[in-house]
Amino acid sequence: MTDTNDIPVNPEIPASLAGETAEAPGAVDVELQESLELEEERRPSFLRWLGETLLLVLVAFALAQGIKTFVVQPYIIPTGSMIPTIEIGDRVIAEKVSYRFGEPEPGDIVVLDDPAGQHPQLIKRVVAIGGQTIDIHDGNVYIDDVLFDEPYLTGVSTEVGSVMMPLTIPNDEIFVMGDNRPNSGDARFFGSLPVSTVKGRAVATYWPLDRLGGL
């Protein structure tokens, strides 16, 4: 009968490590499986983050476009027709809400389409509205035979253009002029315009900072 204590042990593998050597392949498999599972978890997390980021960008873009279309929009002034009220290069904010519930009034500064197509938009002051009769003589503006008070003018006179005066403004139209009357291509030359051409009411200058303020 053979005593189990007499079974030879491989001298190259210490008896104390024999069990660890046998279990090593299983441990490697577990680590590999865990690594693969971790990689699978990371991949959906990245894709989810990417999708959420793109969604946020799209929502922000849509909100910006909506605000620009329906609420307020900035404009850069390309000409000097509104000097000194608005200088060349000034940035102004035009709001688009009030004219959804009403129409422009005399004295409002409005952004509107350029009927001549020379500029994307014009910025002018409303002088007369539908149903009113405007006349210009002796360097002054008269609305329905009453001198029109224009405190924003600085020592300039208003001369007649190519449009015949007096002129009665049709309903749903406005007559606009620049505050820089000697250097303004306005309704004295192209006539009254439909209210529908108005893009918004200029309410403030926001740049440059030394000209920050309401209009």
C-alpha atoms as a PDB file:
ATOM      1  CA  MET A   1       0.000   0.000   0.000  1.00  0.00           C
ATOM      2  CA  THR A   2       1.430   3.318  -1.053  1.00  0.00           C
ATOM      3  CA  ASP A   3       1.512   6.134   1.443  1.00  0.00           C
ATOM      4  CA  THR A   4       0.225   9.356  -0.092  1.00  0.00           C
ATOM      5  CA  ASN A   5       2.943  11.175   1.776  1.00  0.00           C
ATOM      6  CA  ASP A   6       5.419   9.422  -0.492  1.00  0.00           C
ATOM      7  CA  ILE A   7       3.943  10.945  -3.772  1.00  0.00           C
ATOM      8  CA  PRO A   8       6.735  13.012  -5.290  1.00  0.00           C
ATOM      9  CA  VAL A   9       6.201  16.749  -5.643  1.00  0.00           C
ATOM     10  CA  ASN A  10       7.538  18.622  -8.640  1.00  0.00           C
ATOM     11  CA  PRO A  11      10.515  20.426  -7.226  1.00  0.00           C
ATOM     12  CA  GLU A  12      10.143  23.280  -9.759  1.00  0.00           C
ATOM     13  CA  ILE A  13       6.671  24.261  -8.392  1.00  0.00           C
ATOM     14  CA  PRO A  14       6.554  24.951  -4.672  1.00  0.00           C
ATOM     15  CA  ALA A  15       3.738  23.156  -2.972  1.00  0.00           C
ATOM     16  CA  SER A  16       2.521  26.440  -1.463  1.00  0.00           C
ATOM     17  CA  LEU A  17       1.867  27.893  -4.990  1.00  0.00           C
ATOM     18  CA  ALA A  18       0.383  24.817  -6.638  1.00  0.00           C
ATOM     19  CA  GLY A  19      -3.206  25.874  -5.820  1.00  0.00           C
ATOM     20  CA  GLU A  20      -2.679  29.483  -7.032  1.00  0.00           C
ATOM     21  CA  THR A  21      -1.254  28.277 -10.340  1.00  0.00           C
ATOM     22  CA  ALA A  22      -4.301  26.144 -10.976  1.00  0.00           C
ATOM     23  CA  GLU A  23      -6.709  29.053 -10.322  1.00  0.00           C
ATOM     24  CA  ALA A  24      -4.896  31.713 -12.416  1.00  0.00           C
ATOM     25  CA  PRO A  25      -6.726  31.107 -15.749  1.00  0.00           C
ATOM     26  CA  GLY A  26     -10.108  31.565 -14.054  1.00  0.00           C
ATOM     27  CA  ALA A  27      -9.008  34.834 -12.493  1.00  0.00           C
ATOM     28  CA  VAL A  28      -7.892  36.152 -15.901  1.00  0.00           C
ATOM     29  CA  ASP A  29     -11.284  35.273 -17.400  1.00  0.00           C
ATOM     30  CA  VAL A  30     -13.083  37.166 -14.647  1.00  0.00           C
ATOM     31  CA  GLU A  31     -10.917  40.268 -15.110  1.00  0.00           C
ATOM     32  CA  LEU A  32     -11.457  40.158 -18.886  1.00  0.00           C
ATOM     33  CA  GLN A  33     -15.215  39.843 -18.432  1.00  0.00           C
ATOM     34  CA  GLU A  34     -15.269  42.756 -16.008  1.00  0.00           C
ATOM     35  CA  SER A  35     -13.224  44.868 -18.446  1.00  0.00           C
ATOM     36  CA  LEU A  36     -15.614  44.105 -21.292  1.00  0.00           C
ATOM     37  CA  GLU A  37     -18.646  44.941 -19.156  1.00  0.00           C
ATOM     38  CA  LEU A  38     -17.054  48.232 -18.095  1.00  0.00           C
ATOM     39  CA  GLU A  39     -16.348  49.122 -21.721  1.00  0.00           C
ATOM     40  CA  GLU A  40     -19.951  48.342 -22.641  1.00  0.00           C
ATOM     41  CA  GLU A  41     -21.155  50.619 -19.841  1.00  0.00           C
ATOM     42  CA  ARG A  42     -18.883  53.450 -20.963  1.00  0.00           C
ATOM     43  CA  ARG A  43     -20.004  53.301 -24.607  1.00  0.00           C
ATOM     44  CA  PRO A  44     -23.726  53.958 -23.917  1.00  0.00           C
ATOM     45  CA  SER A  45     -22.781  56.680 -21.414  1.00  0.00           C
ATOM     46  CA  PHE A  46     -20.741  58.530 -24.045  1.00  0.00           C
ATOM     47  CA  LEU A  47     -23.438  58.153 -26.676  1.00  0.00           C
ATOM     48  CA  ARG A  48     -26.052  59.403 -24.222  1.00  0.00           C
ATOM     49  CA  TRP A  49     -23.868  62.397 -23.317  1.00  0.00           C
ATOM     50  CA  LEU A  50     -23.314  63.181 -26.996  1.00  0.00           C
ATOM     51  CA  GLY A  51     -27.029  62.946 -27.753  1.00  0.00           C
ATOM     52  CA  GLU A  52     -27.968  65.169 -24.805  1.00  0.00           C
ATOM     53  CA  THR A  53     -25.360  67.753 -25.822  1.00  0.00           C
ATOM     54  CA  LEU A  54     -26.630  67.875 -29.403  1.00  0.00           C
ATOM     55  CA  LEU A  55     -30.199  68.191 -28.135  1.00  0.00           C
ATOM     56  CA  LEU A  56     -29.247  71.110 -25.879  1.00  0.00           C
ATOM     57  CA  VAL A  57     -27.492  72.849 -28.789  1.00  0.00           C
ATOM     58  CA  LEU A  58     -30.543  72.413 -31.001  1.00  0.00           C
ATOM     59  CA  VAL A  59     -32.893  73.705 -28.295  1.00  0.00           C
ATOM     60  CA  ALA A  60     -30.657  76.740 -27.668  1.00  0.00           C
ATOM     61  CA  PHE A  61     -30.523  77.481 -31.398  1.00  0.00           C
ATOM     62  CA  ALA A  62     -34.304  77.174 -31.720  1.00  0.00           C
ATOM     63  CA  LEU A  63     -34.841  79.486 -28.744  1.00  0.00           C
ATOM     64  CA  ALA A  64     -32.416  82.057 -30.151  1.00  0.00           C
ATOM     65  CA  GLN A  65     -34.154  81.994 -33.531  1.00  0.00           C
ATOM     66  CA  GLY A  66     -37.546  82.273 -31.873  1.00  0.00           C
ATOM     67  CA  ILE A  67     -36.466  85.263 -29.791  1.00  0.00           C
ATOM     68  CA  LYS A  68     -34.936  86.907 -32.862  1.00  0.00           C
ATOM     69  CA  THR A  69     -38.065  86.307 -34.941  1.00  0.00           C
ATOM     70  CA  PHE A  70     -40.784  87.153 -32.434  1.00  0.00           C
ATOM     71  CA  VAL A  71     -39.326  89.147 -29.520  1.00  0.00           C
ATOM     72  CA  VAL A  72     -36.194  91.262 -30.067  1.00  0.00           C
ATOM     73  CA  GLN A  73     -33.465  91.572 -32.668  1.00  0.00           C
ATOM     74  CA  PRO A  74     -30.198  93.537 -32.780  1.00  0.00           C
ATOM     75  CA  TYR A  75     -29.310  95.702 -35.760  1.00  0.00           C
ATOM     76  CA  ILE A  76     -26.172  97.510 -36.895  1.00  0.00           C
ATOM     77  CA  ILE A  77     -26.835 101.004 -38.278  1.00  0.00           C
ATOM     78  CA  PRO A  78     -25.075 101.379 -41.663  1.00  0.00           C
ATOM     79  CA  THR A  79     -25.905 105.018 -42.505  1.00  0.00           C
ATOM     80  CA  GLY A  80     -26.029 108.433 -40.857  1.00  0.00           C
ATOM     81  CA  SER A  81     -29.654 109.258 -41.614  1.00  0.00           C
ATOM     82  CA  MET A  82     -30.569 109.254 -37.903  1.00  0.00           C
ATOM     83  CA  ILE A  83     -27.643 111.343 -36.609  1.00  0.00           C
ATOM     84  CA  PRO A  84     -27.401 112.544 -33.845  1.00  0.00           C
ATOM     85  CA  THR A  85     -30.036 110.231 -32.322  1.00  0.00           C
ATOM     86  CA  ILE A  86     -28.272 107.162 -33.745  1.00  0.00           C
ATOM     87  CA  GLU A  87     -24.726 107.246 -35.102  1.00  0.00           C
ATOM     88  CA  ILE A  88     -23.181 105.177 -37.902  1.00  0.00           C
ATOM     89  CA  GLY A  89     -22.111 101.800 -36.516  1.00  0.00           C
ATOM     90  CA  ASP A  90     -24.349 101.947 -33.447  1.00  0.00           C
ATOM     91  CA  ARG A  91     -25.946  98.671 -32.381  1.00  0.00           C
ATOM     92  CA  VAL A  92     -29.609  98.968 -31.510  1.00  0.00           C
ATOM     93  CA  ILE A  93     -32.228  96.607 -30.134  1.00  0.00           C
ATOM     94  CA  ALA A  94     -35.629  96.480 -31.816  1.00  0.00           C
ATOM     95  CA  GLU A  95     -38.558  94.862 -30.025  1.00  0.00           C
ATOM     96  CA  LYS A  96     -41.217  93.043 -32.042  1.00  0.00           C
ATOM     97  CA  VAL A  97     -43.986  92.579 -29.490  1.00  0.00           C
ATOM     98  CA  SER A  98     -45.809  95.920 -29.286  1.00  0.00           C
ATOM     99  CA  TYR A  99     -46.734  96.050 -32.988  1.00  0.00           C
ATOM    100  CA  ARG A 100     -48.470  92.693 -32.668  1.00  0.00           C
ATOM    101  CA  PHE A 101     -51.064  94.455 -30.543  1.00  0.00           C
ATOM    102  CA  GLY A 102     -50.998  97.902 -32.138  1.00  0.00           C
ATOM    103  CA  GLU A 103     -49.521  99.998 -34.931  1.00  0.00           C
ATOM    104  CA  PRO A 104     -46.654 102.486 -35.101  1.00  0.00           C
ATOM    105  CA  GLU A 105     -47.282 105.944 -33.715  1.00  0.00           C
ATOM    106  CA  PRO A 106     -45.750 109.306 -34.720  1.00  0.00           C
ATOM    107  CA  GLY A 107     -42.391 109.670 -33.002  1.00  0.00           C
ATOM    108  CA  ASP A 108     -41.597 105.926 -32.960  1.00  0.00           C
ATOM    109  CA  ILE A 109     -38.230 104.868 -34.377  1.00  0.00           C
ATOM    110  CA  VAL A 110     -38.800 101.814 -36.540  1.00  0.00           C
ATOM    111  CA  VAL A 111     -36.745  99.272 -38.441  1.00  0.00           C
ATOM    112  CA  LEU A 112     -38.299  98.516 -41.818  1.00  0.00           C
ATOM    113  CA  ASP A 113     -37.548  97.050 -45.235  1.00  0.00           C
ATOM    114  CA  ASP A 114     -35.675  99.302 -47.652  1.00  0.00           C
ATOM    115  CA  PRO A 115     -38.010  99.866 -50.635  1.00  0.00           C
ATOM    116  CA  ALA A 116     -34.993 100.661 -52.816  1.00  0.00           C
ATOM    117  CA  GLY A 117     -33.227  97.435 -51.837  1.00  0.00           C
ATOM    118  CA  GLN A 118     -29.917  99.212 -51.155  1.00  0.00           C
ATOM    119  CA  HIS A 119     -29.793  98.073 -47.525  1.00  0.00           C
ATOM    120  CA  PRO A 120     -31.274  95.027 -45.759  1.00  0.00           C
ATOM    121  CA  GLN A 121     -33.269  97.374 -43.507  1.00  0.00           C
ATOM    122  CA  LEU A 122     -33.747 101.067 -42.838  1.00  0.00           C
ATOM    123  CA  ILE A 123     -34.162 102.784 -39.484  1.00  0.00           C
ATOM    124  CA  LYS A 124     -36.351 105.891 -39.537  1.00  0.00           C
ATOM    125  CA  ARG A 125     -38.748 107.879 -37.388  1.00  0.00           C
ATOM    126  CA  VAL A 126     -42.496 107.707 -37.955  1.00  0.00           C
ATOM    127  CA  VAL A 127     -43.807 111.199 -38.706  1.00  0.00           C
ATOM    128  CA  ALA A 128     -47.340 110.504 -39.961  1.00  0.00           C
ATOM    129  CA  ILE A 129     -49.694 107.513 -39.953  1.00  0.00           C
ATOM    130  CA  GLY A 130     -52.694 106.390 -41.968  1.00  0.00           C
ATOM    131  CA  GLY A 131     -55.431 109.020 -42.282  1.00  0.00           C
ATOM    132  CA  GLN A 132     -53.151 111.971 -41.448  1.00  0.00           C
ATOM    133  CA  THR A 133     -52.127 114.649 -43.942  1.00  0.00           C
ATOM    134  CA  ILE A 134     -48.494 115.747 -43.942  1.00  0.00           C
ATOM    135  CA  ASP A 135     -47.190 118.972 -45.411  1.00  0.00           C
ATOM    136  CA  ILE A 136     -43.714 120.464 -45.463  1.00  0.00           C
ATOM    137  CA  HIS A 137     -43.001 124.153 -45.923  1.00  0.00           C
ATOM    138  CA  ASP A 138     -40.726 126.833 -44.489  1.00  0.00           C
ATOM    139  CA  GLY A 139     -38.422 124.085 -43.214  1.00  0.00           C
ATOM    140  CA  ASN A 140     -41.071 122.611 -40.901  1.00  0.00           C
ATOM    141  CA  VAL A 141     -43.410 119.617 -40.854  1.00  0.00           C
ATOM    142  CA  TYR A 142     -47.159 120.066 -40.440  1.00  0.00           C
ATOM    143  CA  ILE A 143     -49.566 117.260 -39.604  1.00  0.00           C
ATOM    144  CA  ASP A 144     -53.210 118.074 -40.342  1.00  0.00           C
ATOM    145  CA  ASP A 145     -52.180 121.759 -40.586  1.00  0.00           C
ATOM    146  CA  VAL A 146     -50.608 121.715 -37.102  1.00  0.00           C
ATOM    147  CA  LEU A 147     -46.864 122.259 -36.612  1.00  0.00           C
ATOM    148  CA  PHE A 148     -45.328 118.899 -35.697  1.00  0.00           C
ATOM    149  CA  ASP A 149     -43.175 119.165 -32.568  1.00  0.00           C
ATOM    150  CA  GLU A 150     -39.805 117.493 -33.186  1.00  0.00           C
ATOM    151  CA  PRO A 151     -37.510 118.104 -30.187  1.00  0.00           C
ATOM    152  CA  TYR A 152     -35.044 115.468 -31.445  1.00  0.00           C
ATOM    153  CA  LEU A 153     -33.994 117.645 -34.398  1.00  0.00           C
ATOM    154  CA  THR A 154     -30.852 119.703 -33.798  1.00  0.00           C
ATOM    155  CA  GLY A 155     -30.916 122.888 -35.808  1.00  0.00           C
ATOM    156  CA  VAL A 156     -31.831 121.288 -39.142  1.00  0.00           C
ATOM    157  CA  SER A 157     -34.713 122.163 -41.399  1.00  0.00           C
ATOM    158  CA  THR A 158     -36.940 119.788 -43.324  1.00  0.00           C
ATOM    159  CA  GLU A 159     -37.073 120.319 -47.061  1.00  0.00           C
ATOM    160  CA  VAL A 160     -39.512 118.866 -49.583  1.00  0.00           C
ATOM    161  CA  GLY A 161     -38.348 115.879 -51.624  1.00  0.00           C
ATOM    162  CA  SER A 162     -39.700 114.430 -54.870  1.00  0.00           C
ATOM    163  CA  VAL A 163     -43.051 113.432 -53.331  1.00  0.00           C
ATOM    164  CA  MET A 164     -45.762 116.047 -53.838  1.00  0.00           C
ATOM    165  CA  MET A 165     -47.045 117.815 -50.728  1.00  0.00           C
ATOM    166  CA  PRO A 166     -49.455 117.911 -48.984  1.00  0.00           C
ATOM    167  CA  LEU A 167     -49.913 114.141 -48.856  1.00  0.00           C
ATOM    168  CA  THR A 168     -52.662 112.183 -47.121  1.00  0.00           C
ATOM    169  CA  ILE A 169     -51.311 108.870 -45.826  1.00  0.00           C
ATOM    170  CA  PRO A 170     -53.405 105.826 -46.834  1.00  0.00           C
ATOM    171  CA  ASN A 171     -54.743 103.571 -44.094  1.00  0.00           C
ATOM    172  CA  ASP A 172     -52.262 100.920 -42.868  1.00  0.00           C
ATOM    173  CA  GLU A 173     -49.307 102.964 -44.122  1.00  0.00           C
ATOM    174  CA  ILE A 174     -46.757 105.255 -42.456  1.00  0.00           C
ATOM    175  CA  PHE A 175     -44.613 108.216 -43.515  1.00  0.00           C
ATOM    176  CA  VAL A 176     -41.051 108.017 -42.153  1.00  0.00           C
ATOM    177  CA  MET A 177     -38.086 110.371 -42.122  1.00  0.00           C
ATOM    178  CA  GLY A 178     -34.585 110.355 -40.695  1.00  0.00           C
ATOM    179  CA  ASP A 179     -33.597 112.790 -37.951  1.00  0.00           C
ATOM    180  CA  ASN A 180     -30.679 113.922 -40.126  1.00  0.00           C
ATOM    181  CA  ARG A 181     -33.073 115.556 -42.591  1.00  0.00           C
ATOM    182  CA  PRO A 182     -30.487 117.027 -45.014  1.00  0.00           C
ATOM    183  CA  ASN A 183     -28.894 113.565 -45.430  1.00  0.00           C
ATOM    184  CA  SER A 184     -31.752 111.103 -45.279  1.00  0.00           C
ATOM    185  CA  GLY A 185     -33.301 109.149 -48.122  1.00  0.00           C
ATOM    186  CA  ASP A 186     -36.786 108.681 -46.738  1.00  0.00           C
ATOM    187  CA  ALA A 187     -40.500 108.940 -47.499  1.00  0.00           C
ATOM    188  CA  ARG A 188     -40.037 112.402 -48.977  1.00  0.00           C
ATOM    189  CA  PHE A 189     -38.515 110.520 -51.913  1.00  0.00           C
ATOM    190  CA  PHE A 190     -40.160 107.076 -51.930  1.00  0.00           C
ATOM    191  CA  GLY A 191     -43.537 107.883 -50.378  1.00  0.00           C
ATOM    192  CA  SER A 192     -45.442 106.230 -47.566  1.00  0.00           C
ATOM    193  CA  LEU A 193     -44.893 102.538 -46.823  1.00  0.00           C
ATOM    194  CA  PRO A 194     -47.177  99.711 -45.647  1.00  0.00           C
ATOM    195  CA  VAL A 195     -47.110  99.022 -41.926  1.00  0.00           C
ATOM    196  CA  SER A 196     -46.348  95.403 -42.853  1.00  0.00           C
ATOM    197  CA  THR A 197     -42.826  96.444 -43.896  1.00  0.00           C
ATOM    198  CA  VAL A 198     -41.992  97.356 -40.297  1.00  0.00           C
ATOM    199  CA  LYS A 199     -39.762  94.781 -38.564  1.00  0.00           C
ATOM    200  CA  GLY A 200     -39.772  96.268 -35.081  1.00  0.00           C
ATOM    201  CA  ARG A 201     -39.539  99.334 -32.862  1.00  0.00           C
ATOM    202  CA  ALA A 202     -36.028 100.462 -31.934  1.00  0.00           C
ATOM    203  CA  VAL A 203     -35.919 100.894 -28.152  1.00  0.00           C
ATOM    204  CA  ALA A 204     -32.267 101.176 -27.122  1.00  0.00           C
ATOM    205  CA  THR A 205     -28.669 101.504 -28.218  1.00  0.00           C
ATOM    206  CA  TYR A 206     -26.469  98.844 -26.603  1.00  0.00           C
ATOM    207  CA  TRP A 207     -23.113  99.447 -28.328  1.00  0.00           C
ATOM    208  CA  PRO A 208     -20.748 101.240 -28.080  1.00  0.00           C
ATOM    209  CA  LEU A 209     -21.028 101.354 -24.312  1.00  0.00           C
ATOM    210  CA  ASP A 210     -20.620 105.132 -24.136  1.00  0.00           C
ATOM    211  CA  ARG A 211     -23.860 105.427 -26.133  1.00  0.00           C
ATOM    212  CA  LEU A 212     -25.789 102.846 -24.122  1.00  0.00           C
ATOM    213  CA  GLY A 213     -29.317 104.048 -23.488  1.00  0.00           C
ATOM    214  CA  GLY A 214     -32.945 104.184 -24.577  1.00  0.00           C
ATOM    215  CA  LEU A 215     -34.248 105.763 -27.748  1.00  0.00           C
END
